[in-house]
Amino acid sequence: MRLTQQTSYSIQTLMYCAVNTGGPSRIRDIARAYRISELHLFKIMHVLVDSGLIETLRGRNGGIRLGRPAEEISVGDVVRATEGSLQLNDCQVDHGHDCPIGANCGLGGVLGQAMAAFFRTLDQFTIADVVSGKVRGLVPAAEGEGELVPALAGAVPRPA
């Protein structure tokens, strides 16, 4: 499973706004900082504004800022707003998927459980957490466990 560029850019935009304490952020500056298209950022603003994650400020000194404190915006909130209905396969979509196995098939339940675990993890962390550096280098505690623990120094590759 891979999240869309829209989700990635949305998270980056919220992170930028969270660390920019000097006033409203400008799309031009965010695009330059992350080397992404201004046009693409303008397109995703609609989703972020409609979901209350970002608010716009008009006028000469306008721009955008977080719609609520970074401590109140979970990464899961952003993914839900930008990805819409995340379904891993047709079994999870309830519009007449005709499964030859029928009621005995448990795949939809397994995938639903996996998706719930995914969002439980994303909901544990806020935009404030990811910009603070305190969640950097978290890895699963052990195979099959959902708990996260700090990584050993050098165990997780860092961006150059």
Protein backbone atom coordinates (compact mmCIF):
# COMPACT_ATOMS: atom_id res chain seq x y z
CA MET A 1 0.00 0.00 0.00
CA ARG A 2 1.27 3.45 -0.86
CA LEU A 3 -0.24 6.80 0.10
CA THR A 4 -0.87 9.31 -2.66
CA GLN A 5 1.29 12.34 -3.41
CA GLN A 6 -1.64 14.45 -2.25
CA THR A 7 -1.39 12.92 1.21
CA SER A 8 2.38 13.28 1.34
CA TYR A 9 2.24 16.93 0.25
CA SER A 10 -0.60 17.60 2.69
CA ILE A 11 1.41 16.27 5.62
CA GLN A 12 4.44 18.27 4.51
CA THR A 13 2.32 21.42 4.24
CA LEU A 14 0.95 20.96 7.75
CA MET A 15 4.45 20.31 9.09
CA TYR A 16 5.72 23.48 7.43
CA CYS A 17 2.89 25.51 8.95
CA ALA A 18 3.53 23.97 12.37
CA VAL A 19 7.17 25.10 12.45
CA ASN A 20 6.55 28.48 10.81
CA THR A 21 5.80 30.56 13.86
CA GLY A 22 6.56 33.88 12.16
CA GLY A 23 3.09 34.37 10.68
CA PRO A 24 1.07 32.87 7.84
CA SER A 25 2.81 30.47 5.48
CA ARG A 26 2.76 31.05 1.75
CA ILE A 27 2.22 28.34 -0.84
CA ARG A 28 5.20 29.68 -2.81
CA ASP A 29 7.51 29.21 0.19
CA ILE A 30 6.20 25.72 0.96
CA ALA A 31 6.59 24.64 -2.67
CA ARG A 32 10.14 25.98 -2.74
CA ALA A 33 11.06 24.35 0.57
CA TYR A 34 9.87 20.89 -0.53
CA ARG A 35 10.65 21.35 -4.26
CA ILE A 36 7.09 20.63 -5.33
CA SER A 37 4.71 22.35 -7.72
CA GLU A 38 2.83 25.40 -6.45
CA LEU A 39 -0.07 24.42 -8.71
CA HIS A 40 -0.27 21.00 -7.06
CA LEU A 41 -0.27 22.59 -3.60
CA PHE A 42 -3.05 24.97 -4.59
CA LYS A 43 -5.13 21.98 -5.70
CA ILE A 44 -4.78 20.18 -2.37
CA MET A 45 -5.60 23.29 -0.33
CA HIS A 46 -9.30 22.75 -1.04
CA VAL A 47 -9.26 19.39 0.75
CA LEU A 48 -7.22 20.73 3.68
CA VAL A 49 -9.46 23.78 4.11
CA ASP A 50 -12.70 21.79 3.81
CA SER A 51 -11.49 19.35 6.46
CA GLY A 52 -10.53 22.17 8.84
CA LEU A 53 -6.85 21.25 8.84
CA ILE A 54 -5.80 24.54 7.21
CA GLU A 55 -7.34 27.97 7.22
CA THR A 56 -6.65 30.68 4.68
CA LEU A 57 -5.93 34.30 5.46
CA ARG A 58 -6.71 36.87 2.78
CA GLY A 59 -5.03 40.17 2.11
CA ARG A 60 -1.55 41.51 1.58
CA ASN A 61 -0.11 39.60 4.52
CA GLY A 62 -2.29 36.56 3.90
CA GLY A 63 -1.39 32.94 3.49
CA ILE A 64 -2.32 29.75 5.27
CA ARG A 65 -2.01 28.45 8.80
CA LEU A 66 -3.09 25.39 10.75
CA GLY A 67 -6.83 25.17 11.31
CA ARG A 68 -6.25 23.97 14.85
CA PRO A 69 -3.16 23.43 17.02
CA ALA A 70 -0.60 20.95 15.68
CA GLU A 71 -1.06 18.94 18.90
CA GLU A 72 -4.68 18.31 17.88
CA ILE A 73 -4.06 17.14 14.30
CA SER A 74 -3.19 13.45 14.08
CA VAL A 75 -1.41 12.00 11.08
CA GLY A 76 -4.47 9.73 10.80
CA ASP A 77 -6.71 12.81 10.48
CA VAL A 78 -4.67 13.97 7.49
CA VAL A 79 -4.66 10.56 5.79
CA ARG A 80 -8.42 10.18 6.23
CA ALA A 81 -9.05 13.67 4.81
CA THR A 82 -6.80 13.25 1.79
CA GLU A 83 -7.18 9.58 0.91
CA GLY A 84 -10.95 9.36 1.28
CA SER A 85 -12.07 5.76 1.49
CA LEU A 86 -8.99 3.59 1.80
CA GLN A 87 -9.92 0.07 0.82
CA LEU A 88 -7.28 -2.60 0.30
CA ASN A 89 -9.39 -4.72 -2.03
CA ASP A 90 -12.88 -5.23 -3.46
CA CYS A 91 -14.02 -7.28 -0.45
CA GLN A 92 -14.03 -4.14 1.66
CA VAL A 93 -16.19 -2.15 -0.73
CA ASP A 94 -19.85 -2.84 -0.21
CA HIS A 95 -21.23 -2.48 -3.70
CA GLY A 96 -22.05 -5.89 -4.98
CA HIS A 97 -18.64 -7.51 -5.15
CA ASP A 98 -19.41 -11.07 -6.15
CA CYS A 99 -16.96 -13.29 -4.30
CA PRO A 100 -16.95 -16.91 -5.49
CA ILE A 101 -16.08 -18.08 -1.97
CA GLY A 102 -19.04 -16.20 -0.50
CA ALA A 103 -19.76 -15.93 3.19
CA ASN A 104 -16.91 -18.31 4.11
CA CYS A 105 -14.22 -15.90 2.89
CA GLY A 106 -12.41 -14.11 5.71
CA LEU A 107 -10.10 -11.93 3.61
CA GLY A 108 -12.22 -8.79 4.00
CA GLY A 109 -12.11 -9.14 7.78
CA VAL A 110 -8.35 -9.69 7.82
CA LEU A 111 -7.74 -6.65 5.64
CA GLY A 112 -10.17 -4.58 7.69
CA GLN A 113 -8.25 -5.49 10.83
CA ALA A 114 -4.97 -4.51 9.15
CA MET A 115 -6.43 -1.15 8.11
CA ALA A 116 -7.69 -0.52 11.66
CA ALA A 117 -4.18 -1.23 13.03
CA PHE A 118 -2.70 1.14 10.43
CA PHE A 119 -4.99 3.98 11.52
CA ARG A 120 -4.49 3.22 15.24
CA THR A 121 -0.78 3.80 14.68
CA LEU A 122 -1.29 7.00 12.64
CA ASP A 123 -3.73 8.32 15.24
CA GLN A 124 -1.07 7.99 17.97
CA PHE A 125 1.03 10.73 16.40
CA THR A 126 0.25 14.38 15.79
CA ILE A 127 1.76 16.93 13.46
CA ALA A 128 3.43 18.40 16.56
CA ASP A 129 5.00 15.01 17.29
CA VAL A 130 6.46 14.58 13.81
CA VAL A 131 8.02 18.05 13.72
CA SER A 132 9.42 17.81 17.26
CA GLY A 133 11.85 15.01 16.45
CA LYS A 134 10.61 12.84 19.31
CA VAL A 135 9.15 10.15 17.03
CA ARG A 136 12.15 10.00 14.72
CA GLY A 137 13.57 6.52 14.37
CA LEU A 138 10.68 4.50 15.78
CA VAL A 139 10.56 0.86 14.74
CA PRO A 140 8.22 -2.03 15.62
CA ALA A 141 9.11 -3.54 19.01
CA ALA A 142 9.20 -7.07 17.59
CA GLU A 143 7.65 -8.89 14.70
CA GLY A 144 3.94 -9.22 15.25
CA GLU A 145 3.79 -6.53 17.94
CA GLY A 146 2.15 -3.17 17.35
CA GLU A 147 4.17 -1.29 19.96
CA LEU A 148 6.85 1.15 18.80
CA VAL A 149 10.23 1.64 20.41
CA PRO A 150 13.20 3.93 19.63
CA ALA A 151 15.55 2.52 17.01
CA LEU A 152 19.15 1.77 17.83
CA ALA A 153 21.55 4.41 16.58
CA GLY A 154 22.27 3.76 12.92
CA ALA A 155 19.66 0.99 12.61
CA VAL A 156 17.30 3.17 10.60
CA PRO A 157 18.79 4.91 7.52
CA ARG A 158 18.59 8.70 7.67
CA PRO A 159 18.04 10.94 4.66
CA ALA A 160 21.21 12.53 3.32
